[in-house]
Amino acid sequence: MIRRRPILSVSLALLAALVLLAWSNRVHLAAFPGILPAYSAKEYCSCRYVTGNPAQYCAGYVELYLPLGELRDNDAHKRVSASALGETRMAVWLGARSGCVLMPDEHALP
């Protein structure tokens, strides 16, 4: 079979290697969807409340690098909620000394 169809054989071998690689890194791959909104919420919060930039600038800055589904800014409570890849994460500004921190998943804005 290898001599008759070398491209198919090589393709199947690469596919098997890719499946094995994905299986060995399944924990890391499962965590990835939560990383994107967490990073975006934290970056927006830091841009907006730590450095004091306008909301429109910070939204453009965050979406420049990563695609987001939704970005919500609660200016009254200084909270930011970001959604992407079916996950939502929230960052909160604690003060001048602490800056912004990520909140646990159960506190994300609906």
PDB file of N, CA and C in Angstrom:
ATOM      1  N   MET A   1       0.817  -1.193   0.000  1.00  0.00           N
ATOM      2  CA  MET A   1       0.000   0.000   0.000  1.00  0.00           C
ATOM      3  C   MET A   1       0.861   1.258   0.000  1.00  0.00           C
ATOM      4  N   ILE A   2       1.989   1.225   0.707  1.00  0.00           N
ATOM      5  CA  ILE A   2       2.846   2.398   0.764  1.00  0.00           C
ATOM      6  C   ILE A   2       3.441   2.706  -0.611  1.00  0.00           C
ATOM      7  N   ARG A   3       3.805   1.673  -1.349  1.00  0.00           N
ATOM      8  CA  ARG A   3       4.391   1.891  -2.671  1.00  0.00           C
ATOM      9  C   ARG A   3       3.346   2.335  -3.685  1.00  0.00           C
ATOM     10  N   ARG A   4       2.130   1.869  -3.526  1.00  0.00           N
ATOM     11  CA  ARG A   4       1.077   2.230  -4.474  1.00  0.00           C
ATOM     12  C   ARG A   4       0.563   3.647  -4.227  1.00  0.00           C
ATOM     13  N   ARG A   5       0.375   3.990  -2.966  1.00  0.00           N
ATOM     14  CA  ARG A   5      -0.200   5.294  -2.622  1.00  0.00           C
ATOM     15  C   ARG A   5       0.650   5.972  -1.548  1.00  0.00           C
ATOM     16  N   PRO A   6       1.792   6.515  -1.913  1.00  0.00           N
ATOM     17  CA  PRO A   6       2.666   7.117  -0.905  1.00  0.00           C
ATOM     18  C   PRO A   6       2.082   8.390  -0.284  1.00  0.00           C
ATOM     19  N   ILE A   7       1.360   9.161  -1.065  1.00  0.00           N
ATOM     20  CA  ILE A   7       0.776  10.405  -0.532  1.00  0.00           C
ATOM     21  C   ILE A   7      -0.301  10.079   0.496  1.00  0.00           C
ATOM     22  N   LEU A   8      -1.124   9.084   0.209  1.00  0.00           N
ATOM     23  CA  LEU A   8      -2.158   8.676   1.160  1.00  0.00           C
ATOM     24  C   LEU A   8      -1.532   8.123   2.439  1.00  0.00           C
ATOM     25  N   SER A   9      -0.492   7.342   2.303  1.00  0.00           N
ATOM     26  CA  SER A   9       0.179   6.766   3.472  1.00  0.00           C
ATOM     27  C   SER A   9       0.810   7.833   4.346  1.00  0.00           C
ATOM     28  N   VAL A  10       1.473   8.787   3.719  1.00  0.00           N
ATOM     29  CA  VAL A  10       2.083   9.880   4.480  1.00  0.00           C
ATOM     30  C   VAL A  10       0.995  10.739   5.140  1.00  0.00           C
ATOM     31  N   SER A  11      -0.078  10.991   4.426  1.00  0.00           N
ATOM     32  CA  SER A  11      -1.185  11.772   4.985  1.00  0.00           C
ATOM     33  C   SER A  11      -1.804  11.090   6.199  1.00  0.00           C
ATOM     34  N   LEU A  12      -2.003   9.786   6.109  1.00  0.00           N
ATOM     35  CA  LEU A  12      -2.560   9.039   7.240  1.00  0.00           C
ATOM     36  C   LEU A  12      -1.606   9.036   8.434  1.00  0.00           C
ATOM     37  N   ALA A  13      -0.311   8.921   8.158  1.00  0.00           N
ATOM     38  CA  ALA A  13       0.676   8.959   9.241  1.00  0.00           C
ATOM     39  C   ALA A  13       0.694  10.326   9.916  1.00  0.00           C
ATOM     40  N   LEU A  14       0.614  11.406   9.141  1.00  0.00           N
ATOM     41  CA  LEU A  14       0.564  12.760   9.713  1.00  0.00           C
ATOM     42  C   LEU A  14      -0.725  12.984  10.507  1.00  0.00           C
ATOM     43  N   LEU A  15      -1.827  12.464   9.996  1.00  0.00           N
ATOM     44  CA  LEU A  15      -3.090  12.583  10.712  1.00  0.00           C
ATOM     45  C   LEU A  15      -3.041  11.840  12.043  1.00  0.00           C
ATOM     46  N   ALA A  16      -2.472  10.652  12.039  1.00  0.00           N
ATOM     47  CA  ALA A  16      -2.334   9.881  13.283  1.00  0.00           C
ATOM     48  C   ALA A  16      -1.434  10.611  14.278  1.00  0.00           C
ATOM     49  N   ALA A  17      -0.358  11.216  13.787  1.00  0.00           N
ATOM     50  CA  ALA A  17       0.537  11.973  14.671  1.00  0.00           C
ATOM     51  C   ALA A  17      -0.174  13.187  15.247  1.00  0.00           C
ATOM     52  N   LEU A  18      -0.969  13.854  14.429  1.00  0.00           N
ATOM     53  CA  LEU A  18      -1.721  15.024  14.897  1.00  0.00           C
ATOM     54  C   LEU A  18      -2.761  14.640  15.951  1.00  0.00           C
ATOM     55  N   VAL A  19      -3.425  13.519  15.741  1.00  0.00           N
ATOM     56  CA  VAL A  19      -4.404  13.039  16.725  1.00  0.00           C
ATOM     57  C   VAL A  19      -3.715  12.686  18.045  1.00  0.00           C
ATOM     58  N   LEU A  20      -2.576  12.038  17.977  1.00  0.00           N
ATOM     59  CA  LEU A  20      -1.832  11.707  19.194  1.00  0.00           C
ATOM     60  C   LEU A  20      -1.346  12.964  19.919  1.00  0.00           C
ATOM     61  N   LEU A  21      -0.895  13.945  19.168  1.00  0.00           N
ATOM     62  CA  LEU A  21      -0.444  15.199  19.759  1.00  0.00           C
ATOM     63  C   LEU A  21      -1.612  15.938  20.431  1.00  0.00           C
ATOM     64  N   ALA A  22      -2.752  15.980  19.779  1.00  0.00           N
ATOM     65  CA  ALA A  22      -3.930  16.626  20.356  1.00  0.00           C
ATOM     66  C   ALA A  22      -4.391  15.887  21.607  1.00  0.00           C
ATOM     67  N   TRP A  23      -4.362  14.559  21.569  1.00  0.00           N
ATOM     68  CA  TRP A  23      -4.790  13.780  22.730  1.00  0.00           C
ATOM     69  C   TRP A  23      -3.861  14.003  23.920  1.00  0.00           C
ATOM     70  N   SER A  24      -2.576  14.095  23.677  1.00  0.00           N
ATOM     71  CA  SER A  24      -1.637  14.299  24.779  1.00  0.00           C
ATOM     72  C   SER A  24      -1.721  15.709  25.363  1.00  0.00           C
ATOM     73  N   ASN A  25      -2.250  16.653  24.590  1.00  0.00           N
ATOM     74  CA  ASN A  25      -2.406  18.032  25.065  1.00  0.00           C
ATOM     75  C   ASN A  25      -3.867  18.421  25.261  1.00  0.00           C
ATOM     76  N   ARG A  26      -4.729  17.450  25.492  1.00  0.00           N
ATOM     77  CA  ARG A  26      -6.163  17.714  25.573  1.00  0.00           C
ATOM     78  C   ARG A  26      -6.531  18.655  26.714  1.00  0.00           C
ATOM     79  N   VAL A  27      -5.836  18.624  27.820  1.00  0.00           N
ATOM     80  CA  VAL A  27      -6.134  19.516  28.946  1.00  0.00           C
ATOM     81  C   VAL A  27      -5.844  20.962  28.557  1.00  0.00           C
ATOM     82  N   HIS A  28      -4.729  21.180  27.895  1.00  0.00           N
ATOM     83  CA  HIS A  28      -4.359  22.522  27.464  1.00  0.00           C
ATOM     84  C   HIS A  28      -5.303  23.035  26.379  1.00  0.00           C
ATOM     85  N   LEU A  29      -5.677  22.172  25.462  1.00  0.00           N
ATOM     86  CA  LEU A  29      -6.599  22.568  24.405  1.00  0.00           C
ATOM     87  C   LEU A  29      -7.983  22.892  24.955  1.00  0.00           C
ATOM     88  N   ALA A  30      -8.408  22.186  25.998  1.00  0.00           N
ATOM     89  CA  ALA A  30      -9.711  22.457  26.609  1.00  0.00           C
ATOM     90  C   ALA A  30      -9.712  23.790  27.349  1.00  0.00           C
ATOM     91  N   ALA A  31      -8.567  24.237  27.847  1.00  0.00           N
ATOM     92  CA  ALA A  31      -8.480  25.502  28.572  1.00  0.00           C
ATOM     93  C   ALA A  31      -8.421  26.708  27.641  1.00  0.00           C
ATOM     94  N   PHE A  32      -8.079  26.503  26.388  1.00  0.00           N
ATOM     95  CA  PHE A  32      -7.873  27.631  25.476  1.00  0.00           C
ATOM     96  C   PHE A  32      -9.086  28.537  25.302  1.00  0.00           C
ATOM     97  N   PRO A  33     -10.316  28.040  25.156  1.00  0.00           N
ATOM     98  CA  PRO A  33     -11.436  28.954  24.957  1.00  0.00           C
ATOM     99  C   PRO A  33     -11.616  29.967  26.092  1.00  0.00           C
ATOM    100  N   GLY A  34     -11.194  29.659  27.293  1.00  0.00           N
ATOM    101  CA  GLY A  34     -11.311  30.599  28.398  1.00  0.00           C
ATOM    102  C   GLY A  34     -10.181  31.613  28.453  1.00  0.00           C
ATOM    103  N   ILE A  35      -9.073  31.308  27.793  1.00  0.00           N
ATOM    104  CA  ILE A  35      -7.926  32.215  27.812  1.00  0.00           C
ATOM    105  C   ILE A  35      -8.207  33.476  27.009  1.00  0.00           C
ATOM    106  N   LEU A  36      -8.843  33.344  25.874  1.00  0.00           N
ATOM    107  CA  LEU A  36      -9.092  34.480  24.995  1.00  0.00           C
ATOM    108  C   LEU A  36      -9.944  35.571  25.663  1.00  0.00           C
ATOM    109  N   PRO A  37     -11.103  35.259  26.233  1.00  0.00           N
ATOM    110  CA  PRO A  37     -11.862  36.329  26.889  1.00  0.00           C
ATOM    111  C   PRO A  37     -11.202  36.840  28.167  1.00  0.00           C
ATOM    112  N   ALA A  38     -10.482  35.990  28.878  1.00  0.00           N
ATOM    113  CA  ALA A  38      -9.801  36.437  30.095  1.00  0.00           C
ATOM    114  C   ALA A  38      -8.721  37.454  29.761  1.00  0.00           C
ATOM    115  N   TYR A  39      -7.927  37.162  28.756  1.00  0.00           N
ATOM    116  CA  TYR A  39      -6.879  38.082  28.331  1.00  0.00           C
ATOM    117  C   TYR A  39      -7.488  39.405  27.868  1.00  0.00           C
ATOM    118  N   SER A  40      -8.562  39.330  27.091  1.00  0.00           N
ATOM    119  CA  SER A  40      -9.191  40.534  26.554  1.00  0.00           C
ATOM    120  C   SER A  40      -9.792  41.395  27.655  1.00  0.00           C
ATOM    121  N   ALA A  41     -10.472  40.772  28.612  1.00  0.00           N
ATOM    122  CA  ALA A  41     -11.068  41.533  29.717  1.00  0.00           C
ATOM    123  C   ALA A  41      -9.992  42.206  30.553  1.00  0.00           C
ATOM    124  N   LYS A  42      -8.925  41.500  30.837  1.00  0.00           N
ATOM    125  CA  LYS A  42      -7.838  42.060  31.643  1.00  0.00           C
ATOM    126  C   LYS A  42      -7.127  43.185  30.913  1.00  0.00           C
ATOM    127  N   GLU A  43      -6.858  43.013  29.634  1.00  0.00           N
ATOM    128  CA  GLU A  43      -6.190  44.053  28.857  1.00  0.00           C
ATOM    129  C   GLU A  43      -7.059  45.300  28.744  1.00  0.00           C
ATOM    130  N   TYR A  44      -8.354  45.120  28.476  1.00  0.00           N
ATOM    131  CA  TYR A  44      -9.255  46.272  28.367  1.00  0.00           C
ATOM    132  C   TYR A  44      -9.346  46.992  29.702  1.00  0.00           C
ATOM    133  N   CYS A  45      -9.499  46.248  30.773  1.00  0.00           N
ATOM    134  CA  CYS A  45      -9.598  46.851  32.106  1.00  0.00           C
ATOM    135  C   CYS A  45      -8.330  47.653  32.420  1.00  0.00           C
ATOM    136  N   SER A  46      -7.184  47.105  32.134  1.00  0.00           N
ATOM    137  CA  SER A  46      -5.931  47.805  32.394  1.00  0.00           C
ATOM    138  C   SER A  46      -5.800  49.046  31.516  1.00  0.00           C
ATOM    139  N   CYS A  47      -6.166  48.931  30.267  1.00  0.00           N
ATOM    140  CA  CYS A  47      -6.095  50.059  29.345  1.00  0.00           C
ATOM    141  C   CYS A  47      -7.036  51.177  29.786  1.00  0.00           C
ATOM    142  N   ARG A  48      -8.230  50.798  30.199  1.00  0.00           N
ATOM    143  CA  ARG A  48      -9.272  51.782  30.526  1.00  0.00           C
ATOM    144  C   ARG A  48      -9.066  52.408  31.899  1.00  0.00           C
ATOM    145  N   TYR A  49      -8.846  51.585  32.927  1.00  0.00           N
ATOM    146  CA  TYR A  49      -8.868  52.103  34.296  1.00  0.00           C
ATOM    147  C   TYR A  49      -7.488  52.313  34.911  1.00  0.00           C
ATOM    148  N   VAL A  50      -6.493  51.581  34.485  1.00  0.00           N
ATOM    149  CA  VAL A  50      -5.151  51.781  35.037  1.00  0.00           C
ATOM    150  C   VAL A  50      -4.458  52.932  34.317  1.00  0.00           C
ATOM    151  N   THR A  51      -4.492  52.904  32.975  1.00  0.00           N
ATOM    152  CA  THR A  51      -3.814  53.959  32.223  1.00  0.00           C
ATOM    153  C   THR A  51      -4.728  55.126  31.887  1.00  0.00           C
ATOM    154  N   GLY A  52      -6.050  54.975  32.047  1.00  0.00           N
ATOM    155  CA  GLY A  52      -6.990  56.079  31.855  1.00  0.00           C
ATOM    156  C   GLY A  52      -7.281  56.447  30.410  1.00  0.00           C
ATOM    157  N   ASN A  53      -7.179  55.506  29.508  1.00  0.00           N
ATOM    158  CA  ASN A  53      -7.478  55.772  28.098  1.00  0.00           C
ATOM    159  C   ASN A  53      -8.977  55.764  27.850  1.00  0.00           C
ATOM    160  N   PRO A  54      -9.444  56.414  26.760  1.00  0.00           N
ATOM    161  CA  PRO A  54     -10.878  56.397  26.430  1.00  0.00           C
ATOM    162  C   PRO A  54     -11.363  54.995  26.070  1.00  0.00           C
ATOM    163  N   ALA A  55     -12.661  54.760  26.262  1.00  0.00           N
ATOM    164  CA  ALA A  55     -13.249  53.439  26.016  1.00  0.00           C
ATOM    165  C   ALA A  55     -13.087  53.003  24.566  1.00  0.00           C
ATOM    166  N   GLN A  56     -13.290  53.903  23.630  1.00  0.00           N
ATOM    167  CA  GLN A  56     -13.195  53.549  22.214  1.00  0.00           C
ATOM    168  C   GLN A  56     -11.767  53.128  21.846  1.00  0.00           C
ATOM    169  N   TYR A  57     -10.789  53.808  22.382  1.00  0.00           N
ATOM    170  CA  TYR A  57      -9.394  53.448  22.113  1.00  0.00           C
ATOM    171  C   TYR A  57      -9.083  52.055  22.653  1.00  0.00           C
ATOM    172  N   CYS A  58      -9.502  51.787  23.894  1.00  0.00           N
ATOM    173  CA  CYS A  58      -9.203  50.499  24.519  1.00  0.00           C
ATOM    174  C   CYS A  58      -9.907  49.344  23.808  1.00  0.00           C
ATOM    175  N   ALA A  59     -11.150  49.574  23.367  1.00  0.00           N
ATOM    176  CA  ALA A  59     -11.867  48.529  22.627  1.00  0.00           C
ATOM    177  C   ALA A  59     -11.141  48.212  21.325  1.00  0.00           C
ATOM    178  N   GLY A  60     -10.685  49.229  20.634  1.00  0.00           N
ATOM    179  CA  GLY A  60      -9.931  49.012  19.407  1.00  0.00           C
ATOM    180  C   GLY A  60      -8.609  48.329  19.664  1.00  0.00           C
ATOM    181  N   TYR A  61      -7.954  48.696  20.763  1.00  0.00           N
ATOM    182  CA  TYR A  61      -6.668  48.097  21.124  1.00  0.00           C
ATOM    183  C   TYR A  61      -6.813  46.608  21.403  1.00  0.00           C
ATOM    184  N   VAL A  62      -7.831  46.233  22.150  1.00  0.00           N
ATOM    185  CA  VAL A  62      -8.033  44.822  22.501  1.00  0.00           C
ATOM    186  C   VAL A  62      -8.436  44.009  21.271  1.00  0.00           C
ATOM    187  N   GLU A  63      -9.333  44.533  20.459  1.00  0.00           N
ATOM    188  CA  GLU A  63      -9.813  43.791  19.297  1.00  0.00           C
ATOM    189  C   GLU A  63      -8.810  43.798  18.147  1.00  0.00           C
ATOM    190  N   LEU A  64      -7.766  44.597  18.257  1.00  0.00           N
ATOM    191  CA  LEU A  64      -6.728  44.615  17.237  1.00  0.00           C
ATOM    192  C   LEU A  64      -6.001  43.279  17.182  1.00  0.00           C
ATOM    193  N   TYR A  65      -5.799  42.653  18.315  1.00  0.00           N
ATOM    194  CA  TYR A  65      -5.024  41.420  18.392  1.00  0.00           C
ATOM    195  C   TYR A  65      -5.881  40.162  18.388  1.00  0.00           C
ATOM    196  N   LEU A  66      -7.039  40.207  19.031  1.00  0.00           N
ATOM    197  CA  LEU A  66      -7.854  39.009  19.184  1.00  0.00           C
ATOM    198  C   LEU A  66      -9.313  39.291  18.848  1.00  0.00           C
ATOM    199  N   PRO A  67      -9.981  38.402  18.132  1.00  0.00           N
ATOM    200  CA  PRO A  67     -11.394  38.621  17.826  1.00  0.00           C
ATOM    201  C   PRO A  67     -12.267  38.326  19.047  1.00  0.00           C
ATOM    202  N   LEU A  68     -13.221  39.211  19.304  1.00  0.00           N
ATOM    203  CA  LEU A  68     -14.121  39.040  20.443  1.00  0.00           C
ATOM    204  C   LEU A  68     -15.556  38.937  19.971  1.00  0.00           C
ATOM    205  N   GLY A  69     -16.364  38.241  20.739  1.00  0.00           N
ATOM    206  CA  GLY A  69     -17.785  38.200  20.462  1.00  0.00           C
ATOM    207  C   GLY A  69     -18.473  39.414  21.060  1.00  0.00           C
ATOM    208  N   GLU A  70     -18.089  39.760  22.287  1.00  0.00           N
ATOM    209  CA  GLU A  70     -18.733  40.874  22.981  1.00  0.00           C
ATOM    210  C   GLU A  70     -17.785  41.416  24.047  1.00  0.00           C
ATOM    211  N   LEU A  71     -17.823  42.720  24.230  1.00  0.00           N
ATOM    212  CA  LEU A  71     -17.022  43.387  25.239  1.00  0.00           C
ATOM    213  C   LEU A  71     -17.938  44.401  25.932  1.00  0.00           C
ATOM    214  N   ARG A  72     -18.172  44.194  27.238  1.00  0.00           N
ATOM    215  CA  ARG A  72     -19.053  45.102  27.998  1.00  0.00           C
ATOM    216  C   ARG A  72     -18.261  45.785  29.095  1.00  0.00           C
ATOM    217  N   ASP A  73     -18.456  47.087  29.192  1.00  0.00           N
ATOM    218  CA  ASP A  73     -17.758  47.907  30.176  1.00  0.00           C
ATOM    219  C   ASP A  73     -18.793  48.518  31.115  1.00  0.00           C
ATOM    220  N   ASN A  74     -18.714  48.183  32.388  1.00  0.00           N
ATOM    221  CA  ASN A  74     -19.579  48.785  33.401  1.00  0.00           C
ATOM    222  C   ASN A  74     -18.764  49.879  34.083  1.00  0.00           C
ATOM    223  N   ASP A  75     -18.899  51.088  33.576  1.00  0.00           N
ATOM    224  CA  ASP A  75     -18.075  52.202  34.036  1.00  0.00           C
ATOM    225  C   ASP A  75     -18.360  52.561  35.495  1.00  0.00           C
ATOM    226  N   ALA A  76     -19.591  52.386  35.935  1.00  0.00           N
ATOM    227  CA  ALA A  76     -19.942  52.740  37.314  1.00  0.00           C
ATOM    228  C   ALA A  76     -19.210  51.866  38.334  1.00  0.00           C
ATOM    229  N   HIS A  77     -19.098  50.571  38.050  1.00  0.00           N
ATOM    230  CA  HIS A  77     -18.432  49.641  38.966  1.00  0.00           C
ATOM    231  C   HIS A  77     -17.018  49.285  38.528  1.00  0.00           C
ATOM    232  N   LYS A  78     -16.593  49.836  37.382  1.00  0.00           N
ATOM    233  CA  LYS A  78     -15.274  49.572  36.807  1.00  0.00           C
ATOM    234  C   LYS A  78     -15.030  48.077  36.618  1.00  0.00           C
ATOM    235  N   ARG A  79     -15.996  47.464  35.929  1.00  0.00           N
ATOM    236  CA  ARG A  79     -15.938  46.041  35.595  1.00  0.00           C
ATOM    237  C   ARG A  79     -15.996  45.876  34.092  1.00  0.00           C
ATOM    238  N   VAL A  80     -15.293  44.896  33.594  1.00  0.00           N
ATOM    239  CA  VAL A  80     -15.260  44.609  32.163  1.00  0.00           C
ATOM    240  C   VAL A  80     -15.573  43.136  31.971  1.00  0.00           C
ATOM    241  N   SER A  81     -16.478  42.844  31.054  1.00  0.00           N
ATOM    242  CA  SER A  81     -16.837  41.475  30.733  1.00  0.00           C
ATOM    243  C   SER A  81     -16.552  41.245  29.252  1.00  0.00           C
ATOM    244  N   ALA A  82     -15.827  40.199  28.931  1.00  0.00           N
ATOM    245  CA  ALA A  82     -15.496  39.866  27.543  1.00  0.00           C
ATOM    246  C   ALA A  82     -15.974  38.455  27.232  1.00  0.00           C
ATOM    247  N   SER A  83     -16.545  38.293  26.037  1.00  0.00           N
ATOM    248  CA  SER A  83     -17.023  36.983  25.589  1.00  0.00           C
ATOM    249  C   SER A  83     -16.369  36.619  24.271  1.00  0.00           C
ATOM    250  N   ALA A  84     -15.925  35.374  24.181  1.00  0.00           N
ATOM    251  CA  ALA A  84     -15.341  34.850  22.950  1.00  0.00           C
ATOM    252  C   ALA A  84     -15.307  33.327  23.038  1.00  0.00           C
ATOM    253  N   LEU A  85     -15.498  32.670  21.912  1.00  0.00           N
ATOM    254  CA  LEU A  85     -15.462  31.206  21.817  1.00  0.00           C
ATOM    255  C   LEU A  85     -16.399  30.527  22.816  1.00  0.00           C
ATOM    256  N   GLY A  86     -17.543  31.149  23.095  1.00  0.00           N
ATOM    257  CA  GLY A  86     -18.529  30.574  24.000  1.00  0.00           C
ATOM    258  C   GLY A  86     -18.213  30.724  25.475  1.00  0.00           C
ATOM    259  N   GLU A  87     -17.198  31.465  25.823  1.00  0.00           N
ATOM    260  CA  GLU A  87     -16.809  31.678  27.222  1.00  0.00           C
ATOM    261  C   GLU A  87     -16.899  33.165  27.551  1.00  0.00           C
ATOM    262  N   THR A  88     -17.173  33.479  28.821  1.00  0.00           N
ATOM    263  CA  THR A  88     -17.225  34.857  29.292  1.00  0.00           C
ATOM    264  C   THR A  88     -16.359  34.981  30.529  1.00  0.00           C
ATOM    265  N   ARG A  89     -15.535  36.009  30.563  1.00  0.00           N
ATOM    266  CA  ARG A  89     -14.678  36.282  31.714  1.00  0.00           C
ATOM    267  C   ARG A  89     -14.810  37.747  32.099  1.00  0.00           C
ATOM    268  N   MET A  90     -14.541  38.048  33.371  1.00  0.00           N
ATOM    269  CA  MET A  90     -14.699  39.403  33.859  1.00  0.00           C
ATOM    270  C   MET A  90     -13.450  39.849  34.611  1.00  0.00           C
ATOM    271  N   ALA A  91     -13.099  41.125  34.428  1.00  0.00           N
ATOM    272  CA  ALA A  91     -11.993  41.750  35.149  1.00  0.00           C
ATOM    273  C   ALA A  91     -12.553  42.960  35.891  1.00  0.00           C
ATOM    274  N   VAL A  92     -12.011  43.220  37.089  1.00  0.00           N
ATOM    275  CA  VAL A  92     -12.476  44.319  37.933  1.00  0.00           C
ATOM    276  C   VAL A  92     -11.277  45.153  38.362  1.00  0.00           C
ATOM    277  N   TRP A  93     -11.463  46.459  38.340  1.00  0.00           N
ATOM    278  CA  TRP A  93     -10.427  47.368  38.814  1.00  0.00           C
ATOM    279  C   TRP A  93     -10.551  47.485  40.330  1.00  0.00           C
ATOM    280  N   LEU A  94      -9.496  47.161  41.062  1.00  0.00           N
ATOM    281  CA  LEU A  94      -9.527  47.190  42.522  1.00  0.00           C
ATOM    282  C   LEU A  94      -9.026  48.502  43.108  1.00  0.00           C
ATOM    283  N   GLY A  95      -8.203  49.212  42.385  1.00  0.00           N
ATOM    284  CA  GLY A  95      -7.682  50.470  42.888  1.00  0.00           C
ATOM    285  C   GLY A  95      -6.338  50.784  42.254  1.00  0.00           C
ATOM    286  N   ALA A  96      -5.804  51.948  42.620  1.00  0.00           N
ATOM    287  CA  ALA A  96      -4.558  52.407  42.017  1.00  0.00           C
ATOM    288  C   ALA A  96      -3.383  51.485  42.348  1.00  0.00           C
ATOM    289  N   ARG A  97      -3.373  50.926  43.524  1.00  0.00           N
ATOM    290  CA  ARG A  97      -2.249  50.064  43.915  1.00  0.00           C
ATOM    291  C   ARG A  97      -2.370  48.645  43.373  1.00  0.00           C
ATOM    292  N   SER A  98      -3.588  48.141  43.251  1.00  0.00           N
ATOM    293  CA  SER A  98      -3.798  46.751  42.819  1.00  0.00           C
ATOM    294  C   SER A  98      -4.058  46.608  41.329  1.00  0.00           C
ATOM    295  N   GLY A  99      -4.620  47.620  40.695  1.00  0.00           N
ATOM    296  CA  GLY A  99      -4.936  47.537  39.270  1.00  0.00           C
ATOM    297  C   GLY A  99      -6.135  46.646  39.012  1.00  0.00           C
ATOM    298  N   CYS A 100      -6.116  45.927  37.908  1.00  0.00           N
ATOM    299  CA  CYS A 100      -7.227  45.060  37.506  1.00  0.00           C
ATOM    300  C   CYS A 100      -6.898  43.601  37.797  1.00  0.00           C
ATOM    301  N   VAL A 101      -7.923  42.851  38.189  1.00  0.00           N
ATOM    302  CA  VAL A 101      -7.771  41.415  38.435  1.00  0.00           C
ATOM    303  C   VAL A 101      -8.912  40.671  37.753  1.00  0.00           C
ATOM    304  N   LEU A 102      -8.664  39.432  37.406  1.00  0.00           N
ATOM    305  CA  LEU A 102      -9.707  38.583  36.844  1.00  0.00           C
ATOM    306  C   LEU A 102     -10.566  38.032  37.968  1.00  0.00           C
ATOM    307  N   MET A 103     -11.860  37.984  37.724  1.00  0.00           N
ATOM    308  CA  MET A 103     -12.784  37.431  38.708  1.00  0.00           C
ATOM    309  C   MET A 103     -13.040  35.963  38.372  1.00  0.00           C
ATOM    310  N   PRO A 104     -13.417  35.185  39.387  1.00  0.00           N
ATOM    311  CA  PRO A 104     -13.791  33.780  39.112  1.00  0.00           C
ATOM    312  C   PRO A 104     -14.961  33.727  38.142  1.00  0.00           C
ATOM    313  N   ASP A 105     -15.096  32.605  37.461  1.00  0.00           N
ATOM    314  CA  ASP A 105     -16.110  32.450  36.396  1.00  0.00           C
ATOM    315  C   ASP A 105     -17.529  32.737  36.842  1.00  0.00           C
ATOM    316  N   GLU A 106     -17.901  32.438  38.045  1.00  0.00           N
ATOM    317  CA  GLU A 106     -19.288  32.593  38.465  1.00  0.00           C
ATOM    318  C   GLU A 106     -19.716  34.046  38.603  1.00  0.00           C
ATOM    319  N   HIS A 107     -18.755  34.993  38.560  1.00  0.00           N
ATOM    320  CA  HIS A 107     -19.087  36.405  38.689  1.00  0.00           C
ATOM    321  C   HIS A 107     -19.203  37.121  37.365  1.00  0.00           C
ATOM    322  N   ALA A 108     -19.173  36.414  36.257  1.00  0.00           N
ATOM    323  CA  ALA A 108     -19.240  37.054  34.955  1.00  0.00           C
ATOM    324  C   ALA A 108     -20.607  37.698  34.750  1.00  0.00           C
ATOM    325  N   LEU A 109     -20.611  38.827  34.086  1.00  0.00           N
ATOM    326  CA  LEU A 109     -21.874  39.539  33.819  1.00  0.00           C
ATOM    327  C   LEU A 109     -22.721  38.725  32.868  1.00  0.00           C
ATOM    328  N   PRO A 110     -24.044  38.681  33.105  1.00  0.00           N
ATOM    329  CA  PRO A 110     -24.910  37.914  32.201  1.00  0.00           C
ATOM    330  C   PRO A 110     -25.048  38.565  30.845  1.00  0.00           C
TER     331      PRO A 110
END
